[in-house]
């Protein structure tokens, strides 16, 4: 590679044998290093965003993003709505550039299935996650922080919300929820 220093160029005219020398300093700039920040998830979701993570180089930077279905942008941060390959090239103030690509997977959308959405006070309800890609589960505290796919709960009057964080095989996590409405038990008085 080229290193910093001084370059000497000597030109000799063949016919006359006369020569001239030119000295010029060489300045070498390092290329910036570049990564894509997926903001916590490599799976598409409602507010998917990608950003450039730059180290080195000389500001100001020019950004050139491209992606699925002709997507293009020229900002440091982008909001995306489609899964697929995204490509980023940056060029710094000295004309040095860096390139990186990243893949955003399709949305991971597990569903919480439950036997009843409206129950009577003190009834039990079975909640279960439906997803063919899930590998781990963490339920909310009102579901005993269970790590099982399925839990049995006793919703409290007038309603209970249950949340489960589900992670798939590629590491994307999503929070799914279930809302159970609870009817109060009737009060009975016995007169003698």
C-alpha atoms as a PDB file:
ATOM      1  CA  UNK A   1       0.000   0.000   0.000  1.00  0.00           C
ATOM      2  CA  UNK A   2       0.894   3.617  -0.218  1.00  0.00           C
ATOM      3  CA  UNK A   3       2.397   5.273   2.842  1.00  0.00           C
ATOM      4  CA  UNK A   4       2.800   8.913   3.743  1.00  0.00           C
ATOM      5  CA  UNK A   5       6.038  10.632   2.769  1.00  0.00           C
ATOM      6  CA  UNK A   6       7.544  12.390  -0.225  1.00  0.00           C
ATOM      7  CA  UNK A   7       7.308  11.192  -3.807  1.00  0.00           C
ATOM      8  CA  UNK A   8      10.081  12.049  -6.267  1.00  0.00           C
ATOM      9  CA  UNK A   9       9.323  11.921  -9.960  1.00  0.00           C
ATOM     10  CA  UNK A  10      12.144  12.272 -12.472  1.00  0.00           C
ATOM     11  CA  UNK A  11      11.355  12.959 -16.121  1.00  0.00           C
ATOM     12  CA  UNK A  12      14.074  12.403 -18.706  1.00  0.00           C
ATOM     13  CA  UNK A  13      13.687  13.463 -22.327  1.00  0.00           C
ATOM     14  CA  UNK A  14      15.119  10.639 -24.408  1.00  0.00           C
ATOM     15  CA  UNK A  15      16.236  12.756 -27.378  1.00  0.00           C
ATOM     16  CA  UNK A  16      18.273  15.257 -25.372  1.00  0.00           C
ATOM     17  CA  UNK A  17      19.081  13.378 -22.186  1.00  0.00           C
ATOM     18  CA  UNK A  18      17.874  16.338 -20.152  1.00  0.00           C
ATOM     19  CA  UNK A  19      15.943  15.548 -16.981  1.00  0.00           C
ATOM     20  CA  UNK A  20      13.884  17.313 -14.363  1.00  0.00           C
ATOM     21  CA  UNK A  21      12.840  16.150 -10.899  1.00  0.00           C
ATOM     22  CA  UNK A  22       9.656  17.026  -9.106  1.00  0.00           C
ATOM     23  CA  UNK A  23       9.125  16.346  -5.408  1.00  0.00           C
ATOM     24  CA  UNK A  24       5.684  16.281  -3.918  1.00  0.00           C
ATOM     25  CA  UNK A  25       4.433  15.256  -0.485  1.00  0.00           C
ATOM     26  CA  UNK A  26       2.025  12.327  -0.389  1.00  0.00           C
ATOM     27  CA  UNK A  27      -0.730  12.477   2.159  1.00  0.00           C
ATOM     28  CA  UNK A  28      -2.544   9.192   2.807  1.00  0.00           C
ATOM     29  CA  UNK A  29      -5.941   9.222   4.482  1.00  0.00           C
ATOM     30  CA  UNK A  30      -7.357   6.154   6.187  1.00  0.00           C
ATOM     31  CA  UNK A  31     -10.703   4.790   5.076  1.00  0.00           C
ATOM     32  CA  UNK A  32     -13.515   5.094   7.598  1.00  0.00           C
ATOM     33  CA  UNK A  33     -14.792   1.880   9.202  1.00  0.00           C
ATOM     34  CA  UNK A  34     -18.512   1.246   8.826  1.00  0.00           C
ATOM     35  CA  UNK A  35     -21.200  -0.910  10.452  1.00  0.00           C
ATOM     36  CA  UNK A  36     -24.999  -0.927  10.414  1.00  0.00           C
ATOM     37  CA  UNK A  37     -26.851  -0.338  13.677  1.00  0.00           C
ATOM     38  CA  UNK A  38     -30.076  -2.414  13.619  1.00  0.00           C
ATOM     39  CA  UNK A  39     -31.420  -0.679  16.770  1.00  0.00           C
ATOM     40  CA  UNK A  40     -32.009  -3.912  18.670  1.00  0.00           C
ATOM     41  CA  UNK A  41     -33.636  -6.145  16.073  1.00  0.00           C
ATOM     42  CA  UNK A  42     -32.616  -7.720  12.786  1.00  0.00           C
ATOM     43  CA  UNK A  43     -36.292  -8.521  12.181  1.00  0.00           C
ATOM     44  CA  UNK A  44     -38.695  -6.044  10.636  1.00  0.00           C
ATOM     45  CA  UNK A  45     -41.133  -4.374  13.065  1.00  0.00           C
ATOM     46  CA  UNK A  46     -43.444  -1.350  13.180  1.00  0.00           C
ATOM     47  CA  UNK A  47     -40.652   1.190  13.669  1.00  0.00           C
ATOM     48  CA  UNK A  48     -37.631  -0.511  12.078  1.00  0.00           C
ATOM     49  CA  UNK A  49     -34.687   1.824  11.747  1.00  0.00           C
ATOM     50  CA  UNK A  50     -31.125   1.400  10.471  1.00  0.00           C
ATOM     51  CA  UNK A  51     -28.234   3.777  11.141  1.00  0.00           C
ATOM     52  CA  UNK A  52     -24.636   4.152  10.039  1.00  0.00           C
ATOM     53  CA  UNK A  53     -22.000   3.499  12.729  1.00  0.00           C
ATOM     54  CA  UNK A  54     -18.811   5.219  11.553  1.00  0.00           C
ATOM     55  CA  UNK A  55     -15.362   5.180  13.099  1.00  0.00           C
ATOM     56  CA  UNK A  56     -12.442   7.081  11.589  1.00  0.00           C
ATOM     57  CA  UNK A  57     -12.609   9.059   8.410  1.00  0.00           C
ATOM     58  CA  UNK A  58     -13.002  12.792   8.076  1.00  0.00           C
ATOM     59  CA  UNK A  59     -16.435  14.414   8.538  1.00  0.00           C
ATOM     60  CA  UNK A  60     -18.641  15.436   6.693  1.00  0.00           C
ATOM     61  CA  UNK A  61     -19.931  12.135   5.303  1.00  0.00           C
ATOM     62  CA  UNK A  62     -22.113  11.451   2.277  1.00  0.00           C
ATOM     63  CA  UNK A  63     -24.530   8.522   2.663  1.00  0.00           C
ATOM     64  CA  UNK A  64     -25.907   6.279  -0.087  1.00  0.00           C
ATOM     65  CA  UNK A  65     -28.386   3.593   1.027  1.00  0.00           C
ATOM     66  CA  UNK A  66     -30.127   1.119  -1.250  1.00  0.00           C
ATOM     67  CA  UNK A  67     -32.484  -1.739  -0.519  1.00  0.00           C
ATOM     68  CA  UNK A  68     -35.455  -3.835  -1.600  1.00  0.00           C
ATOM     69  CA  UNK A  69     -37.785  -2.673  -4.397  1.00  0.00           C
ATOM     70  CA  UNK A  70     -35.618   0.282  -5.405  1.00  0.00           C
ATOM     71  CA  UNK A  71     -35.298   1.759  -1.905  1.00  0.00           C
ATOM     72  CA  UNK A  72     -32.791   4.649  -1.799  1.00  0.00           C
ATOM     73  CA  UNK A  73     -31.868   7.226   0.844  1.00  0.00           C
ATOM     74  CA  UNK A  74     -29.017   9.641   1.563  1.00  0.00           C
ATOM     75  CA  UNK A  75     -29.294  10.181   5.328  1.00  0.00           C
ATOM     76  CA  UNK A  76     -27.401   8.677   8.264  1.00  0.00           C
ATOM     77  CA  UNK A  77     -30.576   7.093   9.710  1.00  0.00           C
ATOM     78  CA  UNK A  78     -33.354   5.412   7.743  1.00  0.00           C
ATOM     79  CA  UNK A  79     -36.763   3.997   8.606  1.00  0.00           C
ATOM     80  CA  UNK A  80     -37.586   0.833   6.682  1.00  0.00           C
ATOM     81  CA  UNK A  81     -40.799  -1.019   5.872  1.00  0.00           C
ATOM     82  CA  UNK A  82     -39.570  -4.071   3.970  1.00  0.00           C
ATOM     83  CA  UNK A  83     -37.351  -7.002   4.803  1.00  0.00           C
ATOM     84  CA  UNK A  84     -34.336  -7.834   2.638  1.00  0.00           C
ATOM     85  CA  UNK A  85     -30.762  -6.705   1.952  1.00  0.00           C
ATOM     86  CA  UNK A  86     -29.785  -3.112   2.692  1.00  0.00           C
ATOM     87  CA  UNK A  87     -26.538  -1.629   1.380  1.00  0.00           C
ATOM     88  CA  UNK A  88     -24.712   1.481   2.572  1.00  0.00           C
ATOM     89  CA  UNK A  89     -21.762   3.343   1.072  1.00  0.00           C
ATOM     90  CA  UNK A  90     -20.313   6.374   2.830  1.00  0.00           C
ATOM     91  CA  UNK A  91     -17.759   8.832   1.477  1.00  0.00           C
ATOM     92  CA  UNK A  92     -15.875  11.178   3.777  1.00  0.00           C
ATOM     93  CA  UNK A  93     -14.564  14.720   3.251  1.00  0.00           C
ATOM     94  CA  UNK A  94     -11.283  13.373   1.802  1.00  0.00           C
ATOM     95  CA  UNK A  95     -13.026  11.146  -0.750  1.00  0.00           C
ATOM     96  CA  UNK A  96     -12.321   7.953   1.202  1.00  0.00           C
ATOM     97  CA  UNK A  97     -15.191   5.499   1.328  1.00  0.00           C
ATOM     98  CA  UNK A  98     -16.497   2.398   3.064  1.00  0.00           C
ATOM     99  CA  UNK A  99     -19.222  -0.092   2.189  1.00  0.00           C
ATOM    100  CA  UNK A 100     -21.365  -2.457   4.291  1.00  0.00           C
ATOM    101  CA  UNK A 101     -24.501  -4.513   3.840  1.00  0.00           C
ATOM    102  CA  UNK A 102     -27.007  -6.018   6.238  1.00  0.00           C
ATOM    103  CA  UNK A 103     -30.044  -8.257   6.027  1.00  0.00           C
ATOM    104  CA  UNK A 104     -33.326  -7.452   7.767  1.00  0.00           C
ATOM    105  CA  UNK A 105     -35.502 -10.528   8.271  1.00  0.00           C
ATOM    106  CA  UNK A 106     -39.267 -10.610   7.856  1.00  0.00           C
ATOM    107  CA  UNK A 107     -41.414  -9.583  10.805  1.00  0.00           C
ATOM    108  CA  UNK A 108     -41.640 -12.056  13.678  1.00  0.00           C
ATOM    109  CA  UNK A 109     -45.231 -12.048  14.917  1.00  0.00           C
ATOM    110  CA  UNK A 110     -46.072 -14.689  17.515  1.00  0.00           C
ATOM    111  CA  UNK A 111     -49.683 -14.873  18.669  1.00  0.00           C
ATOM    112  CA  UNK A 112     -51.005 -15.618  22.153  1.00  0.00           C
ATOM    113  CA  UNK A 113     -53.881 -18.084  21.953  1.00  0.00           C
ATOM    114  CA  UNK A 114     -56.270 -18.439  24.868  1.00  0.00           C
ATOM    115  CA  UNK A 115     -59.252 -20.602  25.612  1.00  0.00           C
ATOM    116  CA  UNK A 116     -61.564 -17.765  26.705  1.00  0.00           C
ATOM    117  CA  UNK A 117     -61.387 -13.985  26.372  1.00  0.00           C
ATOM    118  CA  UNK A 118     -64.169 -13.394  28.920  1.00  0.00           C
ATOM    119  CA  UNK A 119     -64.325 -15.499  32.090  1.00  0.00           C
ATOM    120  CA  UNK A 120     -65.929 -15.498  35.486  1.00  0.00           C
ATOM    121  CA  UNK A 121     -64.013 -14.449  38.573  1.00  0.00           C
ATOM    122  CA  UNK A 122     -61.719 -17.270  39.859  1.00  0.00           C
ATOM    123  CA  UNK A 123     -61.847 -19.208  36.535  1.00  0.00           C
ATOM    124  CA  UNK A 124     -58.587 -20.402  35.022  1.00  0.00           C
ATOM    125  CA  UNK A 125     -57.430 -19.637  31.489  1.00  0.00           C
ATOM    126  CA  UNK A 126     -54.757 -21.399  29.473  1.00  0.00           C
ATOM    127  CA  UNK A 127     -52.511 -19.054  27.473  1.00  0.00           C
ATOM    128  CA  UNK A 128     -50.196 -20.412  24.775  1.00  0.00           C
ATOM    129  CA  UNK A 129     -47.856 -18.931  22.177  1.00  0.00           C
ATOM    130  CA  UNK A 130     -48.390 -19.830  18.536  1.00  0.00           C
ATOM    131  CA  UNK A 131     -45.155 -19.531  16.530  1.00  0.00           C
ATOM    132  CA  UNK A 132     -43.223 -22.050  14.504  1.00  0.00           C
ATOM    133  CA  UNK A 133     -39.918 -20.179  15.017  1.00  0.00           C
ATOM    134  CA  UNK A 134     -39.968 -19.504  18.772  1.00  0.00           C
ATOM    135  CA  UNK A 135     -37.164 -20.844  20.952  1.00  0.00           C
ATOM    136  CA  UNK A 136     -37.716 -19.004  24.242  1.00  0.00           C
ATOM    137  CA  UNK A 137     -40.550 -17.444  26.231  1.00  0.00           C
ATOM    138  CA  UNK A 138     -40.652 -15.143  29.272  1.00  0.00           C
ATOM    139  CA  UNK A 139     -44.125 -14.356  30.626  1.00  0.00           C
ATOM    140  CA  UNK A 140     -45.055 -11.351  32.765  1.00  0.00           C
ATOM    141  CA  UNK A 141     -45.012 -11.559  36.559  1.00  0.00           C
ATOM    142  CA  UNK A 142     -48.789 -12.149  36.740  1.00  0.00           C
ATOM    143  CA  UNK A 143     -48.089 -15.361  34.774  1.00  0.00           C
ATOM    144  CA  UNK A 144     -45.361 -16.365  37.250  1.00  0.00           C
ATOM    145  CA  UNK A 145     -42.524 -15.252  34.911  1.00  0.00           C
ATOM    146  CA  UNK A 146     -42.906 -18.655  33.296  1.00  0.00           C
ATOM    147  CA  UNK A 147     -40.497 -19.697  30.554  1.00  0.00           C
ATOM    148  CA  UNK A 148     -42.897 -22.270  29.089  1.00  0.00           C
ATOM    149  CA  UNK A 149     -44.830 -21.973  25.854  1.00  0.00           C
ATOM    150  CA  UNK A 150     -48.090 -22.417  27.765  1.00  0.00           C
ATOM    151  CA  UNK A 151     -49.278 -21.112  31.158  1.00  0.00           C
ATOM    152  CA  UNK A 152     -52.440 -21.420  33.225  1.00  0.00           C
ATOM    153  CA  UNK A 153     -53.569 -18.192  34.889  1.00  0.00           C
ATOM    154  CA  UNK A 154     -56.385 -16.930  37.114  1.00  0.00           C
ATOM    155  CA  UNK A 155     -57.292 -13.459  35.803  1.00  0.00           C
ATOM    156  CA  UNK A 156     -58.298 -10.801  38.319  1.00  0.00           C
ATOM    157  CA  UNK A 157     -61.510  -8.755  38.178  1.00  0.00           C
ATOM    158  CA  UNK A 158     -62.251  -6.633  36.100  1.00  0.00           C
ATOM    159  CA  UNK A 159     -59.533  -7.571  33.559  1.00  0.00           C
ATOM    160  CA  UNK A 160     -55.983  -8.855  33.324  1.00  0.00           C
ATOM    161  CA  UNK A 161     -53.323  -8.247  30.689  1.00  0.00           C
ATOM    162  CA  UNK A 162     -50.637 -10.882  30.145  1.00  0.00           C
ATOM    163  CA  UNK A 163     -47.416 -10.289  28.251  1.00  0.00           C
ATOM    164  CA  UNK A 164     -44.874 -12.734  26.906  1.00  0.00           C
ATOM    165  CA  UNK A 165     -41.487 -11.924  25.353  1.00  0.00           C
ATOM    166  CA  UNK A 166     -40.895 -14.458  22.598  1.00  0.00           C
ATOM    167  CA  UNK A 167     -37.506 -14.927  20.920  1.00  0.00           C
ATOM    168  CA  UNK A 168     -37.061 -16.749  17.631  1.00  0.00           C
ATOM    169  CA  UNK A 169     -34.211 -18.842  16.198  1.00  0.00           C
ATOM    170  CA  UNK A 170     -32.353 -15.818  14.780  1.00  0.00           C
ATOM    171  CA  UNK A 171     -32.555 -13.791  18.001  1.00  0.00           C
ATOM    172  CA  UNK A 172     -35.459 -11.445  17.291  1.00  0.00           C
ATOM    173  CA  UNK A 173     -37.653 -10.739  20.318  1.00  0.00           C
ATOM    174  CA  UNK A 174     -41.244  -9.537  20.289  1.00  0.00           C
ATOM    175  CA  UNK A 175     -43.716  -8.894  23.093  1.00  0.00           C
ATOM    176  CA  UNK A 176     -47.130 -10.497  22.502  1.00  0.00           C
ATOM    177  CA  UNK A 177     -50.107  -9.915  24.768  1.00  0.00           C
ATOM    178  CA  UNK A 178     -53.478 -11.263  25.819  1.00  0.00           C
ATOM    179  CA  UNK A 179     -56.285  -9.337  27.504  1.00  0.00           C
ATOM    180  CA  UNK A 180     -58.808 -11.320  29.534  1.00  0.00           C
ATOM    181  CA  UNK A 181     -62.015  -9.669  30.759  1.00  0.00           C
ATOM    182  CA  UNK A 182     -63.391 -10.954  34.064  1.00  0.00           C
ATOM    183  CA  UNK A 183     -67.039 -10.945  35.122  1.00  0.00           C
ATOM    184  CA  UNK A 184     -67.674 -10.616  38.848  1.00  0.00           C
ATOM    185  CA  UNK A 185     -69.201 -13.536  40.708  1.00  0.00           C
ATOM    186  CA  UNK A 186     -72.779 -12.865  41.738  1.00  0.00           C
ATOM    187  CA  UNK A 187     -73.351 -12.183  45.405  1.00  0.00           C
ATOM    188  CA  UNK A 188     -75.825 -14.468  47.088  1.00  0.00           C
ATOM    189  CA  UNK A 189     -77.585 -13.766  50.353  1.00  0.00           C
ATOM    190  CA  UNK A 190     -79.403 -16.521  52.166  1.00  0.00           C
ATOM    191  CA  UNK A 191     -82.267 -15.446  54.416  1.00  0.00           C
ATOM    192  CA  UNK A 192     -83.466 -17.623  57.222  1.00  0.00           C
END
